[in-house]
Amino acid sequence: MNFNRAVPRVAAIAFAISAACGAATASAADSSEKTPNAKFDGLDKNKDGLLTRDEIRGGRDYKAAFDAADANKDGKLDRDEFTRAEAIHDRIVAGKYVDDGVLTARVKTALLQEPELKSLDVKVQTQDGVVMLSGFVRDDGQRQKATKAAEKVSGVASVKDAMTVR
C-alpha cells in the first residue's frame, strides 16, 4: 500500500465520520424538546409539562437532585431540568456504591490489624453504610473482636453479625 495515498483516504474517511456524527448530534439536540420521555410523562400526573416535588416524591435521593437541577428555582422541573436531575441522581446513587466499597475496604483493613483474628475467614459486605460480617470465627471472643473492629471504622452506620463459630 502506498503511504502517500493511504493518508488522504484515511483523513477523508475520518472527516466523513466526524461530519455524520456531528449532524446526528445536532439533529438530536434540535429534536430534544419533541422527544418523548416516558419516565417524565409517567411522573407528570397533571400533564402540565412540569414536575413538582410532589410528583417526584417517592423517588429515593431525588430531593438533592431536584434542587440542583431546578435551574430557575421555581420549584418545578421542565424536561431539560428533569434530564439534569436524572444525571445528578445517578451520580448520587453511584457515589453511595463507591462509599460502600471504601467502607468495605476499611473494615477489611481493620480486621487484618486485629491480633489473633483469622480475618481472612470473615467476609465483609456493605450496603448504605451497614456492614454485614459473615464467615467463620474460632469462638465468641473472635466474633466480638471482629464486630468491635468494624464498629470503630468511621462511616459505618451499623454492623450486622452473621458469623458462625466453628
C-alpha atoms as a PDB file:
ATOM      1  CA  MET A   1       0.000   0.000   0.000  1.00  0.00           C
ATOM      2  CA  ASN A   2       1.333   3.419  -0.915  1.00  0.00           C
ATOM      3  CA  PHE A   3       1.584   5.591   2.222  1.00  0.00           C
ATOM      4  CA  ASN A   4       1.028   8.848   0.324  1.00  0.00           C
ATOM      5  CA  ARG A   5      -2.345   7.586  -0.993  1.00  0.00           C
ATOM      6  CA  ALA A   6      -3.450   5.973   2.301  1.00  0.00           C
ATOM      7  CA  VAL A   7      -3.143   9.090   4.487  1.00  0.00           C
ATOM      8  CA  PRO A   8      -5.525  11.299   2.464  1.00  0.00           C
ATOM      9  CA  ARG A   9      -8.012   8.410   2.177  1.00  0.00           C
ATOM     10  CA  VAL A  10      -7.963   7.796   5.955  1.00  0.00           C
ATOM     11  CA  ALA A  11      -8.297  11.537   6.607  1.00  0.00           C
ATOM     12  CA  ALA A  12     -11.271  11.750   4.222  1.00  0.00           C
ATOM     13  CA  ILE A  13     -12.974   8.787   5.914  1.00  0.00           C
ATOM     14  CA  ALA A  14     -12.354  10.271   9.377  1.00  0.00           C
ATOM     15  CA  PHE A  15     -13.760  13.631   8.231  1.00  0.00           C
ATOM     16  CA  ALA A  16     -16.868  11.942   6.797  1.00  0.00           C
ATOM     17  CA  ILE A  17     -17.472  10.010  10.019  1.00  0.00           C
ATOM     18  CA  SER A  18     -16.954  13.148  12.097  1.00  0.00           C
ATOM     19  CA  ALA A  19     -19.381  15.124   9.950  1.00  0.00           C
ATOM     20  CA  ALA A  20     -22.000  12.380  10.159  1.00  0.00           C
ATOM     21  CA  CYS A  21     -21.692  12.213  13.946  1.00  0.00           C
ATOM     22  CA  GLY A  22     -21.918  15.989  14.220  1.00  0.00           C
ATOM     23  CA  ALA A  23     -25.043  16.056  12.074  1.00  0.00           C
ATOM     24  CA  ALA A  24     -26.638  13.305  14.146  1.00  0.00           C
ATOM     25  CA  THR A  25     -25.823  15.154  17.375  1.00  0.00           C
ATOM     26  CA  ALA A  26     -27.233  18.425  16.041  1.00  0.00           C
ATOM     27  CA  SER A  27     -30.356  16.646  14.842  1.00  0.00           C
ATOM     28  CA  ALA A  28     -30.826  15.016  18.244  1.00  0.00           C
ATOM     29  CA  ALA A  29     -30.333  18.351  20.003  1.00  0.00           C
ATOM     30  CA  ASP A  30     -32.898  20.066  17.750  1.00  0.00           C
ATOM     31  CA  SER A  31     -35.500  17.401  18.438  1.00  0.00           C
ATOM     32  CA  SER A  32     -34.850  17.035  22.183  1.00  0.00           C
ATOM     33  CA  GLU A  33     -37.978  19.012  23.067  1.00  0.00           C
ATOM     34  CA  LYS A  34     -40.077  16.804  20.829  1.00  0.00           C
ATOM     35  CA  THR A  35     -38.563  13.522  22.003  1.00  0.00           C
ATOM     36  CA  PRO A  36     -40.897  11.796  24.421  1.00  0.00           C
ATOM     37  CA  ASN A  37     -39.501  10.863  27.801  1.00  0.00           C
ATOM     38  CA  ALA A  38     -41.637   8.026  29.151  1.00  0.00           C
ATOM     39  CA  LYS A  39     -40.421   8.462  32.730  1.00  0.00           C
ATOM     40  CA  PHE A  40     -41.120  12.216  32.683  1.00  0.00           C
ATOM     41  CA  ASP A  41     -44.546  11.628  31.149  1.00  0.00           C
ATOM     42  CA  GLY A  42     -45.353   8.966  33.746  1.00  0.00           C
ATOM     43  CA  LEU A  43     -44.419  11.256  36.637  1.00  0.00           C
ATOM     44  CA  ASP A  44     -46.240  14.295  35.212  1.00  0.00           C
ATOM     45  CA  LYS A  45     -49.596  13.475  36.843  1.00  0.00           C
ATOM     46  CA  ASN A  46     -51.365  16.712  35.902  1.00  0.00           C
ATOM     47  CA  LYS A  47     -49.890  16.701  32.362  1.00  0.00           C
ATOM     48  CA  ASP A  48     -48.772  20.333  32.553  1.00  0.00           C
ATOM     49  CA  GLY A  49     -45.281  19.584  31.179  1.00  0.00           C
ATOM     50  CA  LEU A  50     -43.625  20.310  34.525  1.00  0.00           C
ATOM     51  CA  LEU A  51     -42.748  18.134  37.505  1.00  0.00           C
ATOM     52  CA  THR A  52     -43.235  19.332  41.062  1.00  0.00           C
ATOM     53  CA  ARG A  53     -41.671  17.899  44.214  1.00  0.00           C
ATOM     54  CA  ASP A  54     -44.989  16.175  44.972  1.00  0.00           C
ATOM     55  CA  GLU A  55     -44.985  14.432  41.589  1.00  0.00           C
ATOM     56  CA  ILE A  56     -41.435  13.160  42.119  1.00  0.00           C
ATOM     57  CA  ARG A  57     -41.900  12.409  45.857  1.00  0.00           C
ATOM     58  CA  GLY A  58     -41.204   8.678  46.456  1.00  0.00           C
ATOM     59  CA  GLY A  59     -38.059   8.738  44.357  1.00  0.00           C
ATOM     60  CA  ARG A  60     -35.155   7.891  46.618  1.00  0.00           C
ATOM     61  CA  ASP A  61     -32.393  10.551  46.771  1.00  0.00           C
ATOM     62  CA  TYR A  62     -34.357  12.838  44.452  1.00  0.00           C
ATOM     63  CA  LYS A  63     -34.539  15.860  46.768  1.00  0.00           C
ATOM     64  CA  ALA A  64     -30.902  16.840  46.234  1.00  0.00           C
ATOM     65  CA  ALA A  65     -31.104  16.075  42.513  1.00  0.00           C
ATOM     66  CA  PHE A  66     -34.322  18.104  42.190  1.00  0.00           C
ATOM     67  CA  ASP A  67     -32.808  21.109  43.984  1.00  0.00           C
ATOM     68  CA  ALA A  68     -29.604  21.024  41.933  1.00  0.00           C
ATOM     69  CA  ALA A  69     -31.399  20.641  38.589  1.00  0.00           C
ATOM     70  CA  ASP A  70     -34.050  23.325  39.205  1.00  0.00           C
ATOM     71  CA  ALA A  71     -32.098  25.992  37.302  1.00  0.00           C
ATOM     72  CA  ASN A  72     -34.673  28.786  37.594  1.00  0.00           C
ATOM     73  CA  LYS A  73     -35.542  27.850  41.227  1.00  0.00           C
ATOM     74  CA  ASP A  74     -39.278  27.822  40.534  1.00  0.00           C
ATOM     75  CA  GLY A  75     -39.836  24.535  42.365  1.00  0.00           C
ATOM     76  CA  LYS A  76     -40.654  22.731  39.113  1.00  0.00           C
ATOM     77  CA  LEU A  77     -38.649  20.768  36.564  1.00  0.00           C
ATOM     78  CA  ASP A  78     -39.186  21.017  32.832  1.00  0.00           C
ATOM     79  CA  ARG A  79     -37.968  18.218  30.548  1.00  0.00           C
ATOM     80  CA  ASP A  80     -34.401  19.557  30.312  1.00  0.00           C
ATOM     81  CA  GLU A  81     -34.162  20.108  34.060  1.00  0.00           C
ATOM     82  CA  PHE A  82     -35.548  16.618  34.635  1.00  0.00           C
ATOM     83  CA  THR A  83     -32.834  15.174  32.377  1.00  0.00           C
ATOM     84  CA  ARG A  84     -30.232  17.005  34.502  1.00  0.00           C
ATOM     85  CA  ALA A  85     -31.933  15.747  37.683  1.00  0.00           C
ATOM     86  CA  GLU A  86     -31.738  12.173  36.389  1.00  0.00           C
ATOM     87  CA  ALA A  87     -27.991  12.549  35.732  1.00  0.00           C
ATOM     88  CA  ILE A  88     -27.418  14.086  39.171  1.00  0.00           C
ATOM     89  CA  HIS A  89     -29.489  11.339  40.802  1.00  0.00           C
ATOM     90  CA  ASP A  90     -27.448   8.655  39.016  1.00  0.00           C
ATOM     91  CA  ARG A  91     -24.211  10.241  40.278  1.00  0.00           C
ATOM     92  CA  ILE A  92     -25.575  10.345  43.846  1.00  0.00           C
ATOM     93  CA  VAL A  93     -26.528   6.663  43.699  1.00  0.00           C
ATOM     94  CA  ALA A  94     -23.172   5.716  42.153  1.00  0.00           C
ATOM     95  CA  GLY A  95     -21.398   7.707  44.868  1.00  0.00           C
ATOM     96  CA  LYS A  96     -23.100   5.626  47.535  1.00  0.00           C
ATOM     97  CA  TYR A  97     -21.777   2.446  45.957  1.00  0.00           C
ATOM     98  CA  VAL A  98     -18.285   3.914  45.939  1.00  0.00           C
ATOM     99  CA  ASP A  99     -18.665   4.892  49.587  1.00  0.00           C
ATOM    100  CA  ASP A 100     -19.801   1.367  50.452  1.00  0.00           C
ATOM    101  CA  GLY A 101     -16.788  -0.042  48.635  1.00  0.00           C
ATOM    102  CA  VAL A 102     -14.482   2.241  50.594  1.00  0.00           C
ATOM    103  CA  LEU A 103     -16.140   1.211  53.862  1.00  0.00           C
ATOM    104  CA  THR A 104     -15.742  -2.457  52.965  1.00  0.00           C
ATOM    105  CA  ALA A 105     -12.032  -1.924  52.324  1.00  0.00           C
ATOM    106  CA  ARG A 106     -11.599  -0.017  55.601  1.00  0.00           C
ATOM    107  CA  VAL A 107     -13.378  -2.709  57.594  1.00  0.00           C
ATOM    108  CA  LYS A 108     -11.266  -5.435  55.963  1.00  0.00           C
ATOM    109  CA  THR A 109      -8.147  -3.463  56.873  1.00  0.00           C
ATOM    110  CA  ALA A 110      -9.356  -3.077  60.466  1.00  0.00           C
ATOM    111  CA  LEU A 111      -9.975  -6.828  60.666  1.00  0.00           C
ATOM    112  CA  LEU A 112      -6.498  -7.586  59.306  1.00  0.00           C
ATOM    113  CA  GLN A 113      -4.995  -5.413  62.026  1.00  0.00           C
ATOM    114  CA  GLU A 114      -6.792  -7.301  64.822  1.00  0.00           C
ATOM    115  CA  PRO A 115      -4.360  -9.636  66.563  1.00  0.00           C
ATOM    116  CA  GLU A 116      -5.410 -13.266  66.980  1.00  0.00           C
ATOM    117  CA  LEU A 117      -8.266 -12.900  64.482  1.00  0.00           C
ATOM    118  CA  LYS A 118      -8.271 -15.053  61.354  1.00  0.00           C
ATOM    119  CA  SER A 119      -9.704 -12.162  59.386  1.00  0.00           C
ATOM    120  CA  LEU A 120      -9.421 -13.920  56.030  1.00  0.00           C
ATOM    121  CA  ASP A 121     -12.220 -16.229  57.164  1.00  0.00           C
ATOM    122  CA  VAL A 122     -14.539 -13.238  57.774  1.00  0.00           C
ATOM    123  CA  LYS A 123     -16.382 -11.842  54.755  1.00  0.00           C
ATOM    124  CA  VAL A 124     -17.419  -8.179  54.651  1.00  0.00           C
ATOM    125  CA  GLN A 125     -20.339  -6.725  52.687  1.00  0.00           C
ATOM    126  CA  THR A 126     -21.585  -3.146  52.924  1.00  0.00           C
ATOM    127  CA  GLN A 127     -24.821  -1.542  51.781  1.00  0.00           C
ATOM    128  CA  ASP A 128     -25.793   2.038  52.612  1.00  0.00           C
ATOM    129  CA  GLY A 129     -23.217   2.114  55.411  1.00  0.00           C
ATOM    130  CA  VAL A 130     -24.495  -1.077  57.045  1.00  0.00           C
ATOM    131  CA  VAL A 131     -21.727  -3.667  57.313  1.00  0.00           C
ATOM    132  CA  MET A 132     -22.532  -7.382  57.304  1.00  0.00           C
ATOM    133  CA  LEU A 133     -19.884  -9.706  58.697  1.00  0.00           C
ATOM    134  CA  SER A 134     -20.190 -13.350  57.713  1.00  0.00           C
ATOM    135  CA  GLY A 135     -17.945 -16.375  57.550  1.00  0.00           C
ATOM    136  CA  PHE A 136     -16.279 -18.341  60.306  1.00  0.00           C
ATOM    137  CA  VAL A 137     -14.600 -17.457  63.597  1.00  0.00           C
ATOM    138  CA  ARG A 138     -12.987 -19.695  66.200  1.00  0.00           C
ATOM    139  CA  ASP A 139     -15.024 -18.538  69.219  1.00  0.00           C
ATOM    140  CA  ASP A 140     -17.274 -15.800  70.602  1.00  0.00           C
ATOM    141  CA  GLY A 141     -14.210 -13.735  71.550  1.00  0.00           C
ATOM    142  CA  GLN A 142     -13.173 -13.514  67.903  1.00  0.00           C
ATOM    143  CA  ARG A 143     -16.747 -12.688  66.935  1.00  0.00           C
ATOM    144  CA  GLN A 144     -16.750  -9.764  69.389  1.00  0.00           C
ATOM    145  CA  LYS A 145     -13.316  -8.559  68.209  1.00  0.00           C
ATOM    146  CA  ALA A 146     -14.473  -8.563  64.593  1.00  0.00           C
ATOM    147  CA  THR A 147     -17.700  -6.746  65.414  1.00  0.00           C
ATOM    148  CA  LYS A 148     -15.963  -4.100  67.545  1.00  0.00           C
ATOM    149  CA  ALA A 149     -13.262  -3.546  64.920  1.00  0.00           C
ATOM    150  CA  ALA A 150     -15.929  -2.963  62.259  1.00  0.00           C
ATOM    151  CA  GLU A 151     -17.941  -0.625  64.519  1.00  0.00           C
ATOM    152  CA  LYS A 152     -14.865   1.569  65.072  1.00  0.00           C
ATOM    153  CA  VAL A 153     -14.447   2.309  61.365  1.00  0.00           C
ATOM    154  CA  SER A 154     -15.511   5.850  60.526  1.00  0.00           C
ATOM    155  CA  GLY A 155     -18.610   5.944  58.329  1.00  0.00           C
ATOM    156  CA  VAL A 156     -20.045   2.607  59.411  1.00  0.00           C
ATOM    157  CA  ALA A 157     -23.711   3.116  60.333  1.00  0.00           C
ATOM    158  CA  SER A 158     -24.158  -0.294  61.952  1.00  0.00           C
ATOM    159  CA  VAL A 159     -22.764  -3.817  61.928  1.00  0.00           C
ATOM    160  CA  LYS A 160     -24.772  -6.994  61.404  1.00  0.00           C
ATOM    161  CA  ASP A 161     -23.257 -10.234  62.665  1.00  0.00           C
ATOM    162  CA  ALA A 162     -23.837 -13.302  60.514  1.00  0.00           C
ATOM    163  CA  MET A 163     -20.621 -15.060  61.551  1.00  0.00           C
ATOM    164  CA  THR A 164     -20.570 -18.709  62.538  1.00  0.00           C
ATOM    165  CA  VAL A 165     -18.442 -20.144  65.349  1.00  0.00           C
ATOM    166  CA  ARG A 166     -16.593 -23.289  64.278  1.00  0.00           C
END
